[in-house]
């Protein structure tokens, strides 16, 4: 695992992601994303289309620091956001422990709105598209464990 010194969501980070195979794109590549088809991802990666930030995406970005702090308070783990790479594969981790054996993926759906994620987690399951993202993160980071943290 190679650590890439980039601030997530910065213009330099966005440019870096254009040339990488990113964890958040894995479900789309495999045809398992509920939001993006493989063709739509190809359009984005080749510059033929521009990604639009939805209200839900912005909510997640805005809420992530509070979610990470709540996770740290609940578990006692200190989590560092980090961009990592292994060859052509990249992952922008919401958090990784200092000894790099545990990664954190944060999701912040709005509880009051219709959210399949809340329903899936309440039923004890992880949606396939998020599971694929986390498996990609584990591959790139060489971490042994991953936690999916759902926060509102």
C-alpha atoms as a PDB file:
ATOM      1  CA  UNK A   1       0.000   0.000   0.000  1.00  0.00           C
ATOM      2  CA  UNK A   2       1.257   3.402  -0.983  1.00  0.00           C
ATOM      3  CA  UNK A   3      -0.068   6.460   0.870  1.00  0.00           C
ATOM      4  CA  UNK A   4      -1.028   9.309  -1.457  1.00  0.00           C
ATOM      5  CA  UNK A   5      -0.817  12.710   0.214  1.00  0.00           C
ATOM      6  CA  UNK A   6      -4.028  14.289  -1.068  1.00  0.00           C
ATOM      7  CA  UNK A   7      -6.886  16.082   0.620  1.00  0.00           C
ATOM      8  CA  UNK A   8     -10.090  14.262  -0.232  1.00  0.00           C
ATOM      9  CA  UNK A   9     -12.535  16.303  -2.348  1.00  0.00           C
ATOM     10  CA  UNK A  10      -9.800  18.737  -3.426  1.00  0.00           C
ATOM     11  CA  UNK A  11      -9.331  19.516  -7.162  1.00  0.00           C
ATOM     12  CA  UNK A  12      -5.999  17.626  -7.147  1.00  0.00           C
ATOM     13  CA  UNK A  13      -7.695  14.586  -5.582  1.00  0.00           C
ATOM     14  CA  UNK A  14     -10.474  14.702  -8.206  1.00  0.00           C
ATOM     15  CA  UNK A  15      -7.881  14.803 -11.002  1.00  0.00           C
ATOM     16  CA  UNK A  16      -5.970  11.896  -9.425  1.00  0.00           C
ATOM     17  CA  UNK A  17      -9.141   9.793  -9.276  1.00  0.00           C
ATOM     18  CA  UNK A  18      -9.723  10.208 -13.033  1.00  0.00           C
ATOM     19  CA  UNK A  19      -6.740   7.961 -13.764  1.00  0.00           C
ATOM     20  CA  UNK A  20      -7.326   5.364 -11.036  1.00  0.00           C
ATOM     21  CA  UNK A  21      -9.588   2.387 -10.425  1.00  0.00           C
ATOM     22  CA  UNK A  22     -11.358   3.646  -7.319  1.00  0.00           C
ATOM     23  CA  UNK A  23     -13.136   1.679  -4.606  1.00  0.00           C
ATOM     24  CA  UNK A  24     -16.300   3.754  -4.948  1.00  0.00           C
ATOM     25  CA  UNK A  25     -16.492   2.752  -8.635  1.00  0.00           C
ATOM     26  CA  UNK A  26     -16.140  -1.006  -8.159  1.00  0.00           C
ATOM     27  CA  UNK A  27     -19.871  -1.722  -8.003  1.00  0.00           C
ATOM     28  CA  UNK A  28     -20.420   0.249 -11.237  1.00  0.00           C
ATOM     29  CA  UNK A  29     -17.636  -1.673 -13.014  1.00  0.00           C
ATOM     30  CA  UNK A  30     -19.288  -4.946 -11.978  1.00  0.00           C
ATOM     31  CA  UNK A  31     -22.778  -3.785 -12.945  1.00  0.00           C
ATOM     32  CA  UNK A  32     -23.941  -3.848  -9.307  1.00  0.00           C
ATOM     33  CA  UNK A  33     -24.357  -0.124  -8.648  1.00  0.00           C
ATOM     34  CA  UNK A  34     -27.904   1.151  -8.159  1.00  0.00           C
ATOM     35  CA  UNK A  35     -26.799   4.589  -9.422  1.00  0.00           C
ATOM     36  CA  UNK A  36     -24.212   4.164 -12.183  1.00  0.00           C
ATOM     37  CA  UNK A  37     -23.970   1.720 -15.067  1.00  0.00           C
ATOM     38  CA  UNK A  38     -20.621   0.564 -16.458  1.00  0.00           C
ATOM     39  CA  UNK A  39     -21.296   2.735 -19.530  1.00  0.00           C
ATOM     40  CA  UNK A  40     -22.032   5.818 -17.417  1.00  0.00           C
ATOM     41  CA  UNK A  41     -18.796   5.228 -15.495  1.00  0.00           C
ATOM     42  CA  UNK A  42     -16.888   4.963 -18.800  1.00  0.00           C
ATOM     43  CA  UNK A  43     -18.403   8.299 -19.874  1.00  0.00           C
ATOM     44  CA  UNK A  44     -17.214   9.879 -16.618  1.00  0.00           C
ATOM     45  CA  UNK A  45     -13.722   8.359 -16.745  1.00  0.00           C
ATOM     46  CA  UNK A  46     -13.181   9.430 -20.348  1.00  0.00           C
ATOM     47  CA  UNK A  47     -14.391  12.992 -19.750  1.00  0.00           C
ATOM     48  CA  UNK A  48     -17.504  12.603 -21.881  1.00  0.00           C
ATOM     49  CA  UNK A  49     -19.737  13.277 -18.882  1.00  0.00           C
ATOM     50  CA  UNK A  50     -19.431  15.265 -15.669  1.00  0.00           C
ATOM     51  CA  UNK A  51     -20.361  13.852 -12.269  1.00  0.00           C
ATOM     52  CA  UNK A  52     -23.117  15.708 -10.490  1.00  0.00           C
ATOM     53  CA  UNK A  53     -23.078  16.017  -6.710  1.00  0.00           C
ATOM     54  CA  UNK A  54     -26.514  15.107  -5.423  1.00  0.00           C
ATOM     55  CA  UNK A  55     -28.114  16.431  -2.246  1.00  0.00           C
ATOM     56  CA  UNK A  56     -27.577  13.021  -0.610  1.00  0.00           C
ATOM     57  CA  UNK A  57     -23.890  12.989  -1.607  1.00  0.00           C
ATOM     58  CA  UNK A  58     -23.364  16.487  -0.213  1.00  0.00           C
ATOM     59  CA  UNK A  59     -25.102  15.494   3.015  1.00  0.00           C
ATOM     60  CA  UNK A  60     -22.698  12.570   3.368  1.00  0.00           C
ATOM     61  CA  UNK A  61     -19.649  14.752   2.746  1.00  0.00           C
ATOM     62  CA  UNK A  62     -20.842  17.408   5.186  1.00  0.00           C
ATOM     63  CA  UNK A  63     -21.730  14.882   7.906  1.00  0.00           C
ATOM     64  CA  UNK A  64     -18.664  12.620   7.619  1.00  0.00           C
ATOM     65  CA  UNK A  65     -16.430  14.436  10.165  1.00  0.00           C
ATOM     66  CA  UNK A  66     -19.158  14.221  12.842  1.00  0.00           C
ATOM     67  CA  UNK A  67     -19.749  10.576  11.935  1.00  0.00           C
ATOM     68  CA  UNK A  68     -16.030   9.759  12.284  1.00  0.00           C
ATOM     69  CA  UNK A  69     -15.912  11.551  15.660  1.00  0.00           C
ATOM     70  CA  UNK A  70     -18.958   9.581  16.861  1.00  0.00           C
ATOM     71  CA  UNK A  71     -17.363   6.321  15.700  1.00  0.00           C
ATOM     72  CA  UNK A  72     -14.137   7.179  17.546  1.00  0.00           C
ATOM     73  CA  UNK A  73     -16.064   8.049  20.718  1.00  0.00           C
ATOM     74  CA  UNK A  74     -18.078   4.816  20.496  1.00  0.00           C
ATOM     75  CA  UNK A  75     -15.182   2.443  19.725  1.00  0.00           C
ATOM     76  CA  UNK A  76     -12.062   4.132  21.115  1.00  0.00           C
ATOM     77  CA  UNK A  77     -10.319   3.742  17.753  1.00  0.00           C
ATOM     78  CA  UNK A  78      -8.626   6.781  16.245  1.00  0.00           C
ATOM     79  CA  UNK A  79      -9.340   6.851  12.512  1.00  0.00           C
ATOM     80  CA  UNK A  80      -7.307   8.798   9.968  1.00  0.00           C
ATOM     81  CA  UNK A  81      -8.843   9.611   6.562  1.00  0.00           C
ATOM     82  CA  UNK A  82      -6.324   8.547   3.948  1.00  0.00           C
ATOM     83  CA  UNK A  83      -5.924   8.035   0.204  1.00  0.00           C
ATOM     84  CA  UNK A  84      -4.088   4.802  -0.594  1.00  0.00           C
ATOM     85  CA  UNK A  85      -2.997   3.100  -3.791  1.00  0.00           C
ATOM     86  CA  UNK A  86      -1.825  -0.322  -4.912  1.00  0.00           C
ATOM     87  CA  UNK A  87      -0.824  -0.268  -8.579  1.00  0.00           C
ATOM     88  CA  UNK A  88      -3.750   1.093 -10.607  1.00  0.00           C
ATOM     89  CA  UNK A  89      -6.182   0.623  -7.695  1.00  0.00           C
ATOM     90  CA  UNK A  90      -7.022   3.439  -5.302  1.00  0.00           C
ATOM     91  CA  UNK A  91      -9.165   3.916  -2.224  1.00  0.00           C
ATOM     92  CA  UNK A  92     -10.083   7.096  -0.406  1.00  0.00           C
ATOM     93  CA  UNK A  93     -10.583   5.711   3.059  1.00  0.00           C
ATOM     94  CA  UNK A  94     -12.940   7.412   5.490  1.00  0.00           C
ATOM     95  CA  UNK A  95     -10.613   6.144   8.181  1.00  0.00           C
ATOM     96  CA  UNK A  96      -7.790   3.738   8.962  1.00  0.00           C
ATOM     97  CA  UNK A  97      -6.167   2.943  12.295  1.00  0.00           C
ATOM     98  CA  UNK A  98      -2.564   3.974  12.868  1.00  0.00           C
ATOM     99  CA  UNK A  99      -1.463   0.329  12.766  1.00  0.00           C
ATOM    100  CA  UNK A 100      -3.406   0.027   9.467  1.00  0.00           C
ATOM    101  CA  UNK A 101      -5.272  -3.175  10.331  1.00  0.00           C
ATOM    102  CA  UNK A 102      -8.795  -1.686  10.452  1.00  0.00           C
ATOM    103  CA  UNK A 103     -10.525   0.552   7.909  1.00  0.00           C
ATOM    104  CA  UNK A 104     -13.732   2.513   8.256  1.00  0.00           C
ATOM    105  CA  UNK A 105     -16.391   3.189   5.640  1.00  0.00           C
ATOM    106  CA  UNK A 106     -18.919   5.837   6.676  1.00  0.00           C
ATOM    107  CA  UNK A 107     -22.410   6.218   5.226  1.00  0.00           C
ATOM    108  CA  UNK A 108     -24.679   9.084   6.294  1.00  0.00           C
ATOM    109  CA  UNK A 109     -28.128   8.607   4.802  1.00  0.00           C
ATOM    110  CA  UNK A 110     -30.866  10.912   6.043  1.00  0.00           C
ATOM    111  CA  UNK A 111     -32.911   8.760   8.390  1.00  0.00           C
ATOM    112  CA  UNK A 112     -36.169  10.643   7.849  1.00  0.00           C
ATOM    113  CA  UNK A 113     -36.077  10.028   4.100  1.00  0.00           C
ATOM    114  CA  UNK A 114     -36.601   6.736   2.316  1.00  0.00           C
ATOM    115  CA  UNK A 115     -33.345   4.854   2.702  1.00  0.00           C
ATOM    116  CA  UNK A 116     -32.844   1.266   1.655  1.00  0.00           C
ATOM    117  CA  UNK A 117     -29.556   1.328   3.569  1.00  0.00           C
ATOM    118  CA  UNK A 118     -31.293   1.893   6.929  1.00  0.00           C
ATOM    119  CA  UNK A 119     -33.659  -0.979   6.136  1.00  0.00           C
ATOM    120  CA  UNK A 120     -30.840  -3.310   5.063  1.00  0.00           C
ATOM    121  CA  UNK A 121     -28.759  -2.598   8.151  1.00  0.00           C
ATOM    122  CA  UNK A 122     -31.789  -3.018  10.418  1.00  0.00           C
ATOM    123  CA  UNK A 123     -32.239  -6.440   8.802  1.00  0.00           C
ATOM    124  CA  UNK A 124     -28.573  -7.277   9.439  1.00  0.00           C
ATOM    125  CA  UNK A 125     -27.256  -7.100   5.883  1.00  0.00           C
ATOM    126  CA  UNK A 126     -24.839  -4.972   3.888  1.00  0.00           C
ATOM    127  CA  UNK A 127     -25.963  -4.015   0.362  1.00  0.00           C
ATOM    128  CA  UNK A 128     -23.850  -5.690  -2.309  1.00  0.00           C
ATOM    129  CA  UNK A 129     -22.610  -2.417  -3.814  1.00  0.00           C
ATOM    130  CA  UNK A 130     -21.214  -1.273  -0.460  1.00  0.00           C
ATOM    131  CA  UNK A 131     -19.729  -4.702   0.206  1.00  0.00           C
ATOM    132  CA  UNK A 132     -17.869  -4.511  -3.113  1.00  0.00           C
ATOM    133  CA  UNK A 133     -16.548  -1.042  -2.249  1.00  0.00           C
ATOM    134  CA  UNK A 134     -15.284  -2.293   1.118  1.00  0.00           C
ATOM    135  CA  UNK A 135     -13.660  -5.388  -0.432  1.00  0.00           C
ATOM    136  CA  UNK A 136     -11.786  -3.091  -2.841  1.00  0.00           C
ATOM    137  CA  UNK A 137     -10.669  -0.946   0.112  1.00  0.00           C
ATOM    138  CA  UNK A 138      -9.418  -4.029   1.961  1.00  0.00           C
ATOM    139  CA  UNK A 139      -7.501  -5.134  -1.135  1.00  0.00           C
ATOM    140  CA  UNK A 140      -5.775  -1.777  -1.601  1.00  0.00           C
ATOM    141  CA  UNK A 141      -5.085  -1.085   2.083  1.00  0.00           C
ATOM    142  CA  UNK A 142      -4.051  -4.615   3.157  1.00  0.00           C
ATOM    143  CA  UNK A 143      -6.154  -4.062   6.294  1.00  0.00           C
ATOM    144  CA  UNK A 144      -7.489  -7.145   8.033  1.00  0.00           C
ATOM    145  CA  UNK A 145     -10.834  -5.723   9.115  1.00  0.00           C
ATOM    146  CA  UNK A 146     -13.409  -3.190   7.988  1.00  0.00           C
ATOM    147  CA  UNK A 147     -16.273  -1.492   9.767  1.00  0.00           C
ATOM    148  CA  UNK A 148     -19.265   0.007   8.011  1.00  0.00           C
ATOM    149  CA  UNK A 149     -20.514   2.909  10.157  1.00  0.00           C
ATOM    150  CA  UNK A 150     -24.016   4.161   9.487  1.00  0.00           C
ATOM    151  CA  UNK A 151     -24.621   7.603  10.969  1.00  0.00           C
ATOM    152  CA  UNK A 152     -27.383  10.158  11.196  1.00  0.00           C
END
